[in-house]
């Protein structure tokens, strides 16, 4: 993987020696951003763990880290979208559902803005314990209006 950094999105098959690709989300986002200067990357202090670190390195002027403030992440993404940008906001999936529900509802879905929210550490894959395991994110976010959930099964689907 680039720079020797393992990312959570693409390294889940490494232990079982299944082939995978390096930073599928980040590299796909770079390709999209080459053709569309309205694409912006955002992270809540987890860029290297959500694959967006490669986008940050390729487009530093189009990347923002809001620190460990997922609520601010969603509000900033909603505001950027209302100004015509296409924000890709990344953090861990459980933080998206549990910390950001009201902010996603009010700053993104209520206005039907063009925000892409990418959640790392889906399901029970995390070794960081229950606080980082997204066991209920689909249930929590599934009924939100103007929100489409895509749950890729592997690195190839993530890239697509």
Protein backbone atom coordinates (compact mmCIF):
# COMPACT_ATOMS: atom_id res chain seq x y z
CA UNK A 1 0.00 0.00 0.00
CA UNK A 2 1.14 3.52 -0.61
CA UNK A 3 3.51 5.01 1.96
CA UNK A 4 3.33 1.80 4.00
CA UNK A 5 0.07 2.96 5.58
CA UNK A 6 -2.65 0.36 5.90
CA UNK A 7 -6.16 1.63 5.52
CA UNK A 8 -9.15 0.09 7.21
CA UNK A 9 -11.29 0.02 4.06
CA UNK A 10 -8.88 -1.97 1.93
CA UNK A 11 -6.84 -4.12 4.31
CA UNK A 12 -9.57 -6.32 5.78
CA UNK A 13 -8.55 -9.32 3.63
CA UNK A 14 -4.80 -9.00 4.24
CA UNK A 15 -4.73 -11.43 7.17
CA UNK A 16 -6.32 -14.21 5.12
CA UNK A 17 -4.00 -13.53 2.18
CA UNK A 18 -6.80 -12.75 -0.24
CA UNK A 19 -5.81 -10.35 -3.00
CA UNK A 20 -7.08 -6.84 -2.50
CA UNK A 21 -6.30 -3.42 -3.88
CA UNK A 22 -4.66 -0.52 -2.12
CA UNK A 23 -6.89 2.39 -1.08
CA UNK A 24 -9.81 1.65 -3.45
CA UNK A 25 -11.95 4.57 -2.27
CA UNK A 26 -9.15 7.13 -2.11
CA UNK A 27 -7.75 6.23 -5.51
CA UNK A 28 -11.19 6.24 -7.15
CA UNK A 29 -11.86 9.64 -5.59
CA UNK A 30 -8.60 10.97 -7.03
CA UNK A 31 -9.66 9.88 -10.51
CA UNK A 32 -13.07 11.55 -10.10
CA UNK A 33 -11.46 14.72 -8.73
CA UNK A 34 -9.16 14.99 -11.75
CA UNK A 35 -12.26 15.51 -13.87
CA UNK A 36 -14.36 17.53 -11.42
CA UNK A 37 -12.84 20.38 -9.42
CA UNK A 38 -15.98 20.65 -7.27
CA UNK A 39 -15.06 17.43 -5.40
CA UNK A 40 -13.89 18.14 -1.83
CA UNK A 41 -12.60 15.65 0.73
CA UNK A 42 -13.29 15.90 4.45
CA UNK A 43 -12.39 13.79 7.46
CA UNK A 44 -12.93 13.80 11.19
CA UNK A 45 -9.28 13.14 11.99
CA UNK A 46 -9.36 9.64 10.45
CA UNK A 47 -8.02 10.26 6.94
CA UNK A 48 -5.50 7.41 6.90
CA UNK A 49 -8.09 4.95 8.23
CA UNK A 50 -10.78 5.80 5.67
CA UNK A 51 -8.62 5.83 2.51
CA UNK A 52 -9.04 9.57 1.97
CA UNK A 53 -5.40 10.22 2.93
CA UNK A 54 -4.35 9.51 -0.66
CA UNK A 55 -6.85 12.12 -1.89
CA UNK A 56 -5.51 14.55 0.72
CA UNK A 57 -1.98 14.01 -0.56
CA UNK A 58 -3.03 14.44 -4.21
CA UNK A 59 -5.32 17.45 -3.62
CA UNK A 60 -4.26 19.15 -0.36
CA UNK A 61 -6.04 22.37 -1.32
CA UNK A 62 -9.33 20.43 -1.60
CA UNK A 63 -9.12 18.52 1.67
CA UNK A 64 -10.27 19.56 5.14
CA UNK A 65 -9.84 17.83 8.48
CA UNK A 66 -12.28 19.05 11.09
CA UNK A 67 -10.63 17.19 13.94
CA UNK A 68 -12.55 14.77 16.13
CA UNK A 69 -15.88 16.47 15.53
CA UNK A 70 -18.15 14.36 13.38
CA UNK A 71 -21.08 16.71 13.92
CA UNK A 72 -19.03 19.59 12.47
CA UNK A 73 -17.98 17.27 9.62
CA UNK A 74 -21.59 16.78 8.56
CA UNK A 75 -22.52 20.45 8.92
CA UNK A 76 -19.45 21.52 6.91
CA UNK A 77 -20.25 18.95 4.22
CA UNK A 78 -23.84 20.18 4.02
CA UNK A 79 -22.71 23.81 3.75
CA UNK A 80 -20.13 23.02 1.06
CA UNK A 81 -22.77 21.15 -0.93
CA UNK A 82 -25.14 24.11 -0.73
CA UNK A 83 -22.36 26.21 -2.27
CA UNK A 84 -22.04 23.83 -5.24
CA UNK A 85 -19.23 21.56 -4.06
CA UNK A 86 -19.47 17.77 -3.91
CA UNK A 87 -18.14 16.85 -0.47
CA UNK A 88 -16.99 13.33 0.40
CA UNK A 89 -17.04 13.12 4.21
CA UNK A 90 -15.30 10.21 5.95
CA UNK A 91 -15.20 8.82 9.46
CA UNK A 92 -16.04 5.53 11.14
CA UNK A 93 -19.50 4.17 10.38
CA UNK A 94 -20.60 3.98 14.00
CA UNK A 95 -19.74 7.65 14.53
CA UNK A 96 -21.80 8.57 11.46
CA UNK A 97 -24.88 6.87 12.85
CA UNK A 98 -24.53 7.57 16.56
CA UNK A 99 -22.85 10.99 16.75
CA UNK A 100 -24.24 12.59 13.61
CA UNK A 101 -27.85 11.53 13.21
CA UNK A 102 -29.45 14.93 13.84
CA UNK A 103 -26.76 16.77 11.89
CA UNK A 104 -27.13 14.51 8.85
CA UNK A 105 -30.90 14.92 9.05
CA UNK A 106 -30.88 18.71 9.34
CA UNK A 107 -27.75 19.80 7.40
CA UNK A 108 -27.80 17.21 4.63
CA UNK A 109 -31.03 15.25 4.16
CA UNK A 110 -33.52 18.01 4.97
CA UNK A 111 -31.97 20.11 2.18
CA UNK A 112 -31.42 17.10 -0.11
CA UNK A 113 -27.79 18.14 -0.61
CA UNK A 114 -25.24 16.27 -2.70
CA UNK A 115 -23.04 14.93 0.11
CA UNK A 116 -21.29 11.56 0.03
CA UNK A 117 -20.76 10.07 3.49
CA UNK A 118 -18.23 7.25 3.66
CA UNK A 119 -18.08 5.07 6.79
CA UNK A 120 -15.06 2.99 7.67
CA UNK A 121 -15.08 -0.01 10.05
CA UNK A 122 -18.48 -1.38 9.03
CA UNK A 123 -20.11 -4.08 11.13
CA UNK A 124 -18.06 -6.19 13.52
CA UNK A 125 -14.73 -5.95 11.70
CA UNK A 126 -13.17 -3.54 14.18
CA UNK A 127 -10.70 -4.73 16.76
CA UNK A 128 -11.18 -1.46 18.64
CA UNK A 129 -14.04 -2.78 20.76
CA UNK A 130 -17.78 -2.09 20.89
CA UNK A 131 -17.46 1.69 20.75
CA UNK A 132 -16.09 1.37 17.21
CA UNK A 133 -18.30 -1.43 15.89
CA UNK A 134 -21.09 -0.32 13.57
CA UNK A 135 -23.69 -2.94 14.42
CA UNK A 136 -26.71 -0.67 14.10
CA UNK A 137 -25.72 1.97 11.53
CA UNK A 138 -27.94 0.62 8.75
CA UNK A 139 -30.92 0.44 11.11
CA UNK A 140 -30.33 3.94 12.48
CA UNK A 141 -29.84 5.63 9.11
CA UNK A 142 -32.12 3.44 6.98
CA UNK A 143 -35.29 5.46 7.48
CA UNK A 144 -33.74 8.86 6.89
CA UNK A 145 -35.30 10.73 3.94
CA UNK A 146 -33.17 11.70 0.93
CA UNK A 147 -30.41 9.29 1.98
CA UNK A 148 -29.29 6.37 -0.16
CA UNK A 149 -27.16 3.75 1.57
CA UNK A 150 -24.69 1.69 -0.45
CA UNK A 151 -22.91 -1.13 1.38
CA UNK A 152 -20.06 -2.42 -0.83
CA UNK A 153 -18.93 -5.98 -0.21
CA UNK A 154 -15.27 -5.64 -1.20
CA UNK A 155 -12.55 -3.33 -2.48
CA UNK A 156 -13.74 -3.57 -6.10
CA UNK A 157 -17.28 -2.50 -5.24
CA UNK A 158 -15.83 0.26 -3.06
CA UNK A 159 -13.83 1.55 -5.99
CA UNK A 160 -16.83 1.38 -8.32
